[in-house]
Amino acid sequence: MRNVNENELPEYEPWNYKFLFFLLVLPNLVALIPLILYLPMGARSTGGTRYTCMNNLRIIGYATYNYTSMSGGTLPISYTMDAEGNRLLSWRYSLLDLLNKFNIKQKINSEQTWDSAENLPFAATQILEFACPDEDNYPNNGISYFTITGEETLFPDGSSVTLDQINAADGTANTIMLTEAADMDIAWLEPRDIPFSNVNKPPREMLGTGPSSHHQEGFNVFYADGHAQELSKDIDPIVLRALITWNGGEEITEEEF
């Protein structure tokens, strides 16, 4: 067997990757441009951002659920008040420890209003878990996830409901705890959510007023038993209101939502 001298080996010529790019990849990219441009803005939302939105809602929902384990099964009060009954801070303030936002919570004065001179700089901080990545029409400190407030809901004004009460009535698996809502223009520390009376139209028509979303398919909700679900934007408002109340005794089938 003859030994081959290194000088006798054929010269190595690397692949021309630029040529391959123009030959194979570029034509496919060009072919996709008309399809991308054809899509309406609402349809350009990727599944990734939709699932991120669902995960953000789960994070807040689990934090709210974990709060009950430290409060004897009681959900947080929708807002704190001073001795005169003035609203101070949102229920979201109660979750900051559970969301690993200790550095923000310790700087907020819980005895002052959310927009006081002392609290406003911290209230202006954006907390990414509170915002849907598909929404761009809210303030820098805005939110996309809300409670529904009212005497028939899990967040009655100035009081709270326990998980045991819910289980003994409509059941935690059938009662919405949190909902996605778009274009609400509400700050995360602001003691304001969605009044039950606002839920009077299909979510497709409730941008800026109630449960809604910029997702093409539907909007996300989180139930009191800890599961999340995407509901249709065309859900009957009567059915949606029944899912929000915890002691209404309504019988609802999955086909209705």
C-alpha atoms as a PDB file:
ATOM      1  CA  MET A   1       0.000   0.000   0.000  1.00  0.00           C
ATOM      2  CA  ARG A   2       1.513   3.306  -1.137  1.00  0.00           C
ATOM      3  CA  ASN A   3       1.657   6.160   1.340  1.00  0.00           C
ATOM      4  CA  VAL A   4       0.011   9.283   0.013  1.00  0.00           C
ATOM      5  CA  ASN A   5       1.895  12.488   0.455  1.00  0.00           C
ATOM      6  CA  GLU A   6      -0.078  15.414   1.825  1.00  0.00           C
ATOM      7  CA  ASN A   7       0.848  17.410  -1.254  1.00  0.00           C
ATOM      8  CA  GLU A   8      -0.794  14.802  -3.471  1.00  0.00           C
ATOM      9  CA  LEU A   9      -4.253  15.172  -1.853  1.00  0.00           C
ATOM     10  CA  PRO A  10      -6.856  17.070  -3.883  1.00  0.00           C
ATOM     11  CA  GLU A  11      -7.355  20.608  -2.721  1.00  0.00           C
ATOM     12  CA  TYR A  12     -10.380  21.001  -0.405  1.00  0.00           C
ATOM     13  CA  GLU A  13     -12.996  23.369  -1.759  1.00  0.00           C
ATOM     14  CA  PRO A  14     -15.631  24.449   0.835  1.00  0.00           C
ATOM     15  CA  TRP A  15     -19.299  24.634  -0.065  1.00  0.00           C
ATOM     16  CA  ASN A  16     -20.487  27.928  -1.402  1.00  0.00           C
ATOM     17  CA  TYR A  17     -23.246  28.512   1.192  1.00  0.00           C
ATOM     18  CA  LYS A  18     -24.173  31.881  -0.234  1.00  0.00           C
ATOM     19  CA  PHE A  19     -24.917  30.183  -3.528  1.00  0.00           C
ATOM     20  CA  LEU A  20     -27.054  27.558  -1.777  1.00  0.00           C
ATOM     21  CA  PHE A  21     -28.964  30.261   0.084  1.00  0.00           C
ATOM     22  CA  PHE A  22     -29.875  32.097  -3.107  1.00  0.00           C
ATOM     23  CA  LEU A  23     -30.642  28.839  -4.876  1.00  0.00           C
ATOM     24  CA  LEU A  24     -32.783  27.078  -2.245  1.00  0.00           C
ATOM     25  CA  VAL A  25     -33.869  29.398   0.582  1.00  0.00           C
ATOM     26  CA  LEU A  26     -34.474  32.804  -0.938  1.00  0.00           C
ATOM     27  CA  PRO A  27     -37.147  31.694  -3.474  1.00  0.00           C
ATOM     28  CA  ASN A  28     -39.209  30.163  -0.636  1.00  0.00           C
ATOM     29  CA  LEU A  29     -38.967  33.335   1.453  1.00  0.00           C
ATOM     30  CA  VAL A  30     -40.061  35.442  -1.486  1.00  0.00           C
ATOM     31  CA  ALA A  31     -43.028  33.138  -2.044  1.00  0.00           C
ATOM     32  CA  LEU A  32     -44.188  33.721   1.554  1.00  0.00           C
ATOM     33  CA  ILE A  33     -44.214  37.537   1.330  1.00  0.00           C
ATOM     34  CA  PRO A  34     -47.629  37.838  -0.414  1.00  0.00           C
ATOM     35  CA  LEU A  35     -49.175  35.483   2.159  1.00  0.00           C
ATOM     36  CA  ILE A  36     -47.801  37.522   5.090  1.00  0.00           C
ATOM     37  CA  LEU A  37     -48.920  40.804   3.584  1.00  0.00           C
ATOM     38  CA  TYR A  38     -52.367  39.385   2.848  1.00  0.00           C
ATOM     39  CA  LEU A  39     -53.061  38.493   6.483  1.00  0.00           C
ATOM     40  CA  PRO A  40     -55.067  41.073   8.450  1.00  0.00           C
ATOM     41  CA  MET A  41     -53.335  42.448  11.527  1.00  0.00           C
ATOM     42  CA  GLY A  42     -55.511  40.430  13.905  1.00  0.00           C
ATOM     43  CA  ALA A  43     -54.552  37.222  12.127  1.00  0.00           C
ATOM     44  CA  ARG A  44     -50.821  37.829  12.406  1.00  0.00           C
ATOM     45  CA  SER A  45     -50.929  36.866  16.053  1.00  0.00           C
ATOM     46  CA  THR A  46     -48.832  33.721  16.354  1.00  0.00           C
ATOM     47  CA  GLY A  47     -49.781  30.711  18.381  1.00  0.00           C
ATOM     48  CA  GLY A  48     -46.698  31.430  20.475  1.00  0.00           C
ATOM     49  CA  THR A  49     -47.981  34.749  21.789  1.00  0.00           C
ATOM     50  CA  ARG A  50     -51.424  33.253  22.359  1.00  0.00           C
ATOM     51  CA  TYR A  51     -49.935  30.506  24.503  1.00  0.00           C
ATOM     52  CA  THR A  52     -47.727  33.011  26.304  1.00  0.00           C
ATOM     53  CA  CYS A  53     -50.877  34.941  27.132  1.00  0.00           C
ATOM     54  CA  MET A  54     -52.484  31.767  28.488  1.00  0.00           C
ATOM     55  CA  ASN A  55     -49.390  31.024  30.547  1.00  0.00           C
ATOM     56  CA  ASN A  56     -49.334  34.555  31.983  1.00  0.00           C
ATOM     57  CA  LEU A  57     -52.949  34.124  33.015  1.00  0.00           C
ATOM     58  CA  ARG A  58     -52.080  30.790  34.632  1.00  0.00           C
ATOM     59  CA  ILE A  59     -49.229  32.386  36.570  1.00  0.00           C
ATOM     60  CA  ILE A  60     -51.574  35.014  38.010  1.00  0.00           C
ATOM     61  CA  GLY A  61     -54.297  32.429  38.578  1.00  0.00           C
ATOM     62  CA  TYR A  62     -51.958  30.057  40.427  1.00  0.00           C
ATOM     63  CA  ALA A  63     -50.679  32.948  42.538  1.00  0.00           C
ATOM     64  CA  THR A  64     -54.287  33.842  43.418  1.00  0.00           C
ATOM     65  CA  TYR A  65     -55.013  30.190  44.147  1.00  0.00           C
ATOM     66  CA  ASN A  66     -51.892  29.934  46.344  1.00  0.00           C
ATOM     67  CA  TYR A  67     -53.017  33.050  48.186  1.00  0.00           C
ATOM     68  CA  THR A  68     -56.064  31.100  49.369  1.00  0.00           C
ATOM     69  CA  SER A  69     -53.814  28.459  50.946  1.00  0.00           C
ATOM     70  CA  MET A  70     -52.408  31.168  53.220  1.00  0.00           C
ATOM     71  CA  SER A  71     -55.728  32.831  53.989  1.00  0.00           C
ATOM     72  CA  GLY A  72     -57.861  29.919  55.093  1.00  0.00           C
ATOM     73  CA  GLY A  73     -59.287  29.350  51.614  1.00  0.00           C
ATOM     74  CA  THR A  74     -60.415  32.954  51.145  1.00  0.00           C
ATOM     75  CA  LEU A  75     -59.830  34.770  47.858  1.00  0.00           C
ATOM     76  CA  PRO A  76     -58.204  38.211  48.042  1.00  0.00           C
ATOM     77  CA  ILE A  77     -60.491  41.207  48.475  1.00  0.00           C
ATOM     78  CA  SER A  78     -60.838  43.043  45.161  1.00  0.00           C
ATOM     79  CA  TYR A  79     -59.307  46.200  46.653  1.00  0.00           C
ATOM     80  CA  THR A  80     -58.057  47.513  49.975  1.00  0.00           C
ATOM     81  CA  MET A  81     -59.695  50.505  51.675  1.00  0.00           C
ATOM     82  CA  ASP A  82     -58.835  53.093  54.294  1.00  0.00           C
ATOM     83  CA  ALA A  83     -60.930  53.860  57.394  1.00  0.00           C
ATOM     84  CA  GLU A  84     -63.160  56.186  55.382  1.00  0.00           C
ATOM     85  CA  GLY A  85     -63.906  53.537  52.760  1.00  0.00           C
ATOM     86  CA  ASN A  86     -61.709  55.040  50.031  1.00  0.00           C
ATOM     87  CA  ARG A  87     -60.158  52.552  47.631  1.00  0.00           C
ATOM     88  CA  LEU A  88     -56.391  52.224  47.989  1.00  0.00           C
ATOM     89  CA  LEU A  89     -54.775  49.317  46.126  1.00  0.00           C
ATOM     90  CA  SER A  90     -55.813  46.539  43.765  1.00  0.00           C
ATOM     91  CA  TRP A  91     -55.975  42.864  44.792  1.00  0.00           C
ATOM     92  CA  ARG A  92     -52.896  42.402  42.596  1.00  0.00           C
ATOM     93  CA  TYR A  93     -50.841  44.036  45.335  1.00  0.00           C
ATOM     94  CA  SER A  94     -51.614  40.986  47.498  1.00  0.00           C
ATOM     95  CA  LEU A  95     -49.969  38.701  44.915  1.00  0.00           C
ATOM     96  CA  LEU A  96     -46.606  40.450  44.589  1.00  0.00           C
ATOM     97  CA  ASP A  97     -44.860  38.144  47.073  1.00  0.00           C
ATOM     98  CA  LEU A  98     -46.217  35.097  45.255  1.00  0.00           C
ATOM     99  CA  LEU A  99     -44.990  36.501  41.927  1.00  0.00           C
ATOM    100  CA  ASN A 100     -41.476  37.106  43.322  1.00  0.00           C
ATOM    101  CA  LYS A 101     -41.911  40.872  43.174  1.00  0.00           C
ATOM    102  CA  PHE A 102     -40.695  41.513  46.729  1.00  0.00           C
ATOM    103  CA  ASN A 103     -38.593  44.489  45.700  1.00  0.00           C
ATOM    104  CA  ILE A 104     -41.668  46.295  44.357  1.00  0.00           C
ATOM    105  CA  LYS A 105     -44.039  45.395  47.176  1.00  0.00           C
ATOM    106  CA  GLN A 106     -41.743  46.590  49.943  1.00  0.00           C
ATOM    107  CA  LYS A 107     -41.558  50.044  48.359  1.00  0.00           C
ATOM    108  CA  ILE A 108     -45.326  50.539  48.115  1.00  0.00           C
ATOM    109  CA  ASN A 109     -47.110  52.254  50.987  1.00  0.00           C
ATOM    110  CA  SER A 110     -50.209  50.121  51.591  1.00  0.00           C
ATOM    111  CA  GLU A 111     -51.880  52.921  53.554  1.00  0.00           C
ATOM    112  CA  GLN A 112     -51.930  55.306  50.604  1.00  0.00           C
ATOM    113  CA  THR A 113     -53.804  55.292  47.320  1.00  0.00           C
ATOM    114  CA  TRP A 114     -52.245  53.622  44.300  1.00  0.00           C
ATOM    115  CA  ASP A 115     -51.679  56.961  42.548  1.00  0.00           C
ATOM    116  CA  SER A 116     -50.312  58.890  45.545  1.00  0.00           C
ATOM    117  CA  ALA A 117     -47.058  60.764  45.108  1.00  0.00           C
ATOM    118  CA  GLU A 118     -45.278  58.045  47.053  1.00  0.00           C
ATOM    119  CA  ASN A 119     -46.812  55.051  45.265  1.00  0.00           C
ATOM    120  CA  LEU A 120     -47.174  56.257  41.701  1.00  0.00           C
ATOM    121  CA  PRO A 121     -43.509  55.747  40.687  1.00  0.00           C
ATOM    122  CA  PHE A 122     -43.770  52.071  41.646  1.00  0.00           C
ATOM    123  CA  ALA A 123     -47.279  51.702  40.262  1.00  0.00           C
ATOM    124  CA  ALA A 124     -45.816  52.825  36.932  1.00  0.00           C
ATOM    125  CA  THR A 125     -43.540  49.769  36.843  1.00  0.00           C
ATOM    126  CA  GLN A 126     -44.473  47.311  34.114  1.00  0.00           C
ATOM    127  CA  ILE A 127     -44.977  43.743  35.341  1.00  0.00           C
ATOM    128  CA  LEU A 128     -44.780  41.498  32.295  1.00  0.00           C
ATOM    129  CA  GLU A 129     -46.901  38.706  33.769  1.00  0.00           C
ATOM    130  CA  PHE A 130     -49.859  41.100  33.904  1.00  0.00           C
ATOM    131  CA  ALA A 131     -49.813  41.814  30.156  1.00  0.00           C
ATOM    132  CA  CYS A 132     -50.763  39.815  27.075  1.00  0.00           C
ATOM    133  CA  PRO A 133     -47.983  39.966  24.421  1.00  0.00           C
ATOM    134  CA  ASP A 134     -50.627  40.387  21.703  1.00  0.00           C
ATOM    135  CA  GLU A 135     -51.897  43.631  23.201  1.00  0.00           C
ATOM    136  CA  ASP A 136     -50.219  46.955  22.510  1.00  0.00           C
ATOM    137  CA  ASN A 137     -52.998  49.398  23.374  1.00  0.00           C
ATOM    138  CA  TYR A 138     -52.480  49.793  27.108  1.00  0.00           C
ATOM    139  CA  PRO A 139     -50.277  52.036  29.252  1.00  0.00           C
ATOM    140  CA  ASN A 140     -46.746  50.938  30.145  1.00  0.00           C
ATOM    141  CA  ASN A 141     -48.036  49.791  33.530  1.00  0.00           C
ATOM    142  CA  GLY A 142     -51.225  48.324  32.085  1.00  0.00           C
ATOM    143  CA  ILE A 143     -52.777  44.879  32.439  1.00  0.00           C
ATOM    144  CA  SER A 144     -54.663  42.322  30.380  1.00  0.00           C
ATOM    145  CA  TYR A 145     -56.112  40.099  33.134  1.00  0.00           C
ATOM    146  CA  PHE A 146     -58.961  41.027  35.434  1.00  0.00           C
ATOM    147  CA  THR A 147     -61.479  39.874  37.975  1.00  0.00           C
ATOM    148  CA  ILE A 148     -65.195  40.431  37.510  1.00  0.00           C
ATOM    149  CA  THR A 149     -66.555  42.402  40.459  1.00  0.00           C
ATOM    150  CA  GLY A 150     -70.059  42.389  41.871  1.00  0.00           C
ATOM    151  CA  GLU A 151     -72.176  40.777  44.545  1.00  0.00           C
ATOM    152  CA  GLU A 152     -72.765  37.616  42.492  1.00  0.00           C
ATOM    153  CA  THR A 153     -69.093  37.125  41.565  1.00  0.00           C
ATOM    154  CA  LEU A 154     -65.986  35.798  43.309  1.00  0.00           C
ATOM    155  CA  PHE A 155     -64.929  39.385  44.004  1.00  0.00           C
ATOM    156  CA  PRO A 156     -67.806  41.285  45.636  1.00  0.00           C
ATOM    157  CA  ASP A 157     -67.015  44.889  46.533  1.00  0.00           C
ATOM    158  CA  GLY A 158     -65.327  45.146  49.913  1.00  0.00           C
ATOM    159  CA  SER A 159     -65.643  41.454  50.846  1.00  0.00           C
ATOM    160  CA  SER A 160     -64.413  38.044  49.756  1.00  0.00           C
ATOM    161  CA  VAL A 161     -65.554  34.513  48.950  1.00  0.00           C
ATOM    162  CA  THR A 162     -64.039  31.200  50.047  1.00  0.00           C
ATOM    163  CA  LEU A 163     -63.307  28.140  47.924  1.00  0.00           C
ATOM    164  CA  ASP A 164     -65.507  26.088  50.253  1.00  0.00           C
ATOM    165  CA  GLN A 165     -68.445  28.372  49.487  1.00  0.00           C
ATOM    166  CA  ILE A 166     -67.870  27.966  45.765  1.00  0.00           C
ATOM    167  CA  ASN A 167     -67.551  24.180  45.993  1.00  0.00           C
ATOM    168  CA  ALA A 168     -70.809  24.000  47.924  1.00  0.00           C
ATOM    169  CA  ALA A 169     -72.577  26.022  45.211  1.00  0.00           C
ATOM    170  CA  ASP A 170     -71.787  26.003  41.474  1.00  0.00           C
ATOM    171  CA  GLY A 171     -68.353  24.392  41.936  1.00  0.00           C
ATOM    172  CA  THR A 172     -64.836  25.740  41.366  1.00  0.00           C
ATOM    173  CA  ALA A 173     -64.529  23.960  37.997  1.00  0.00           C
ATOM    174  CA  ASN A 174     -67.576  25.862  36.702  1.00  0.00           C
ATOM    175  CA  THR A 175     -66.749  29.341  38.014  1.00  0.00           C
ATOM    176  CA  ILE A 176     -64.477  31.852  36.293  1.00  0.00           C
ATOM    177  CA  MET A 177     -61.961  33.504  38.605  1.00  0.00           C
ATOM    178  CA  LEU A 178     -60.017  35.652  36.100  1.00  0.00           C
ATOM    179  CA  THR A 179     -60.519  36.756  32.524  1.00  0.00           C
ATOM    180  CA  GLU A 180     -58.481  38.272  29.755  1.00  0.00           C
ATOM    181  CA  ALA A 181     -59.664  41.695  28.569  1.00  0.00           C
ATOM    182  CA  ALA A 182     -58.131  44.002  25.967  1.00  0.00           C
ATOM    183  CA  ASP A 183     -57.894  47.792  25.623  1.00  0.00           C
ATOM    184  CA  MET A 184     -58.953  48.376  29.240  1.00  0.00           C
ATOM    185  CA  ASP A 185     -56.513  51.215  30.032  1.00  0.00           C
ATOM    186  CA  ILE A 186     -56.186  50.223  33.696  1.00  0.00           C
ATOM    187  CA  ALA A 187     -52.936  50.213  35.684  1.00  0.00           C
ATOM    188  CA  TRP A 188     -52.007  47.064  37.575  1.00  0.00           C
ATOM    189  CA  LEU A 189     -52.106  48.704  41.023  1.00  0.00           C
ATOM    190  CA  GLU A 190     -55.310  50.626  40.300  1.00  0.00           C
ATOM    191  CA  PRO A 191     -58.249  49.295  42.369  1.00  0.00           C
ATOM    192  CA  ARG A 192     -60.507  48.801  39.378  1.00  0.00           C
ATOM    193  CA  ASP A 193     -61.595  45.727  37.426  1.00  0.00           C
ATOM    194  CA  ILE A 194     -64.606  44.725  35.314  1.00  0.00           C
ATOM    195  CA  PRO A 195     -68.072  45.281  36.813  1.00  0.00           C
ATOM    196  CA  PHE A 196     -70.437  42.347  36.374  1.00  0.00           C
ATOM    197  CA  SER A 197     -72.941  44.727  34.782  1.00  0.00           C
ATOM    198  CA  ASN A 198     -70.509  45.256  31.879  1.00  0.00           C
ATOM    199  CA  VAL A 199     -70.847  41.622  30.803  1.00  0.00           C
ATOM    200  CA  ASN A 200     -73.886  42.152  28.605  1.00  0.00           C
ATOM    201  CA  LYS A 201     -72.604  41.502  25.078  1.00  0.00           C
ATOM    202  CA  PRO A 202     -70.551  38.859  23.259  1.00  0.00           C
ATOM    203  CA  PRO A 203     -66.819  39.330  24.022  1.00  0.00           C
ATOM    204  CA  ARG A 204     -66.232  40.222  20.371  1.00  0.00           C
ATOM    205  CA  GLU A 205     -68.090  43.465  21.142  1.00  0.00           C
ATOM    206  CA  MET A 206     -66.539  44.159  24.563  1.00  0.00           C
ATOM    207  CA  LEU A 207     -63.087  45.528  23.732  1.00  0.00           C
ATOM    208  CA  GLY A 208     -62.319  48.137  26.362  1.00  0.00           C
ATOM    209  CA  THR A 209     -65.287  47.233  28.575  1.00  0.00           C
ATOM    210  CA  GLY A 210     -65.245  43.534  29.442  1.00  0.00           C
ATOM    211  CA  PRO A 211     -63.893  40.044  28.669  1.00  0.00           C
ATOM    212  CA  SER A 212     -62.219  40.293  25.256  1.00  0.00           C
ATOM    213  CA  SER A 213     -58.997  39.739  23.360  1.00  0.00           C
ATOM    214  CA  HIS A 214     -56.980  40.619  20.275  1.00  0.00           C
ATOM    215  CA  HIS A 215     -56.417  36.921  19.596  1.00  0.00           C
ATOM    216  CA  GLN A 216     -58.074  35.723  16.443  1.00  0.00           C
ATOM    217  CA  GLU A 217     -59.634  32.604  17.950  1.00  0.00           C
ATOM    218  CA  GLY A 218     -60.987  33.583  21.372  1.00  0.00           C
ATOM    219  CA  PHE A 219     -60.149  34.932  24.830  1.00  0.00           C
ATOM    220  CA  ASN A 220     -58.623  33.229  27.869  1.00  0.00           C
ATOM    221  CA  VAL A 221     -60.179  32.608  31.279  1.00  0.00           C
ATOM    222  CA  PHE A 222     -58.973  30.980  34.504  1.00  0.00           C
ATOM    223  CA  TYR A 223     -61.333  28.969  36.715  1.00  0.00           C
ATOM    224  CA  ALA A 224     -61.440  28.717  40.490  1.00  0.00           C
ATOM    225  CA  ASP A 225     -60.250  25.088  40.399  1.00  0.00           C
ATOM    226  CA  GLY A 226     -56.967  26.070  38.719  1.00  0.00           C
ATOM    227  CA  HIS A 227     -57.562  25.246  35.044  1.00  0.00           C
ATOM    228  CA  ALA A 228     -57.436  27.709  32.144  1.00  0.00           C
ATOM    229  CA  GLN A 229     -59.472  27.687  28.950  1.00  0.00           C
ATOM    230  CA  GLU A 230     -59.942  29.643  25.762  1.00  0.00           C
ATOM    231  CA  LEU A 231     -63.574  30.653  25.196  1.00  0.00           C
ATOM    232  CA  SER A 232     -65.190  31.759  21.968  1.00  0.00           C
ATOM    233  CA  LYS A 233     -65.589  35.475  21.362  1.00  0.00           C
ATOM    234  CA  ASP A 234     -69.139  34.649  20.309  1.00  0.00           C
ATOM    235  CA  ILE A 235     -70.168  32.966  23.555  1.00  0.00           C
ATOM    236  CA  ASP A 236     -73.705  33.847  24.620  1.00  0.00           C
ATOM    237  CA  PRO A 237     -73.495  36.619  27.273  1.00  0.00           C
ATOM    238  CA  ILE A 238     -76.073  34.717  29.354  1.00  0.00           C
ATOM    239  CA  VAL A 239     -73.781  31.684  29.438  1.00  0.00           C
ATOM    240  CA  LEU A 240     -70.742  33.825  30.220  1.00  0.00           C
ATOM    241  CA  ARG A 241     -72.542  35.528  33.095  1.00  0.00           C
ATOM    242  CA  ALA A 242     -73.540  32.109  34.431  1.00  0.00           C
ATOM    243  CA  LEU A 243     -69.884  31.015  34.397  1.00  0.00           C
ATOM    244  CA  ILE A 244     -68.902  34.167  36.296  1.00  0.00           C
ATOM    245  CA  THR A 245     -71.438  33.834  39.112  1.00  0.00           C
ATOM    246  CA  TRP A 246     -70.616  31.276  41.797  1.00  0.00           C
ATOM    247  CA  ASN A 247     -73.995  30.712  43.414  1.00  0.00           C
ATOM    248  CA  GLY A 248     -76.459  30.924  40.550  1.00  0.00           C
ATOM    249  CA  GLY A 249     -77.253  27.233  40.217  1.00  0.00           C
ATOM    250  CA  GLU A 250     -77.271  27.385  36.406  1.00  0.00           C
ATOM    251  CA  GLU A 251     -76.819  24.182  34.427  1.00  0.00           C
ATOM    252  CA  ILE A 252     -74.396  24.717  31.543  1.00  0.00           C
ATOM    253  CA  THR A 253     -73.161  22.204  28.975  1.00  0.00           C
ATOM    254  CA  GLU A 254     -69.772  22.371  27.239  1.00  0.00           C
ATOM    255  CA  GLU A 255     -71.531  22.842  23.906  1.00  0.00           C
ATOM    256  CA  GLU A 256     -72.743  26.241  25.091  1.00  0.00           C
ATOM    257  CA  PHE A 257     -69.210  27.626  25.278  1.00  0.00           C
END
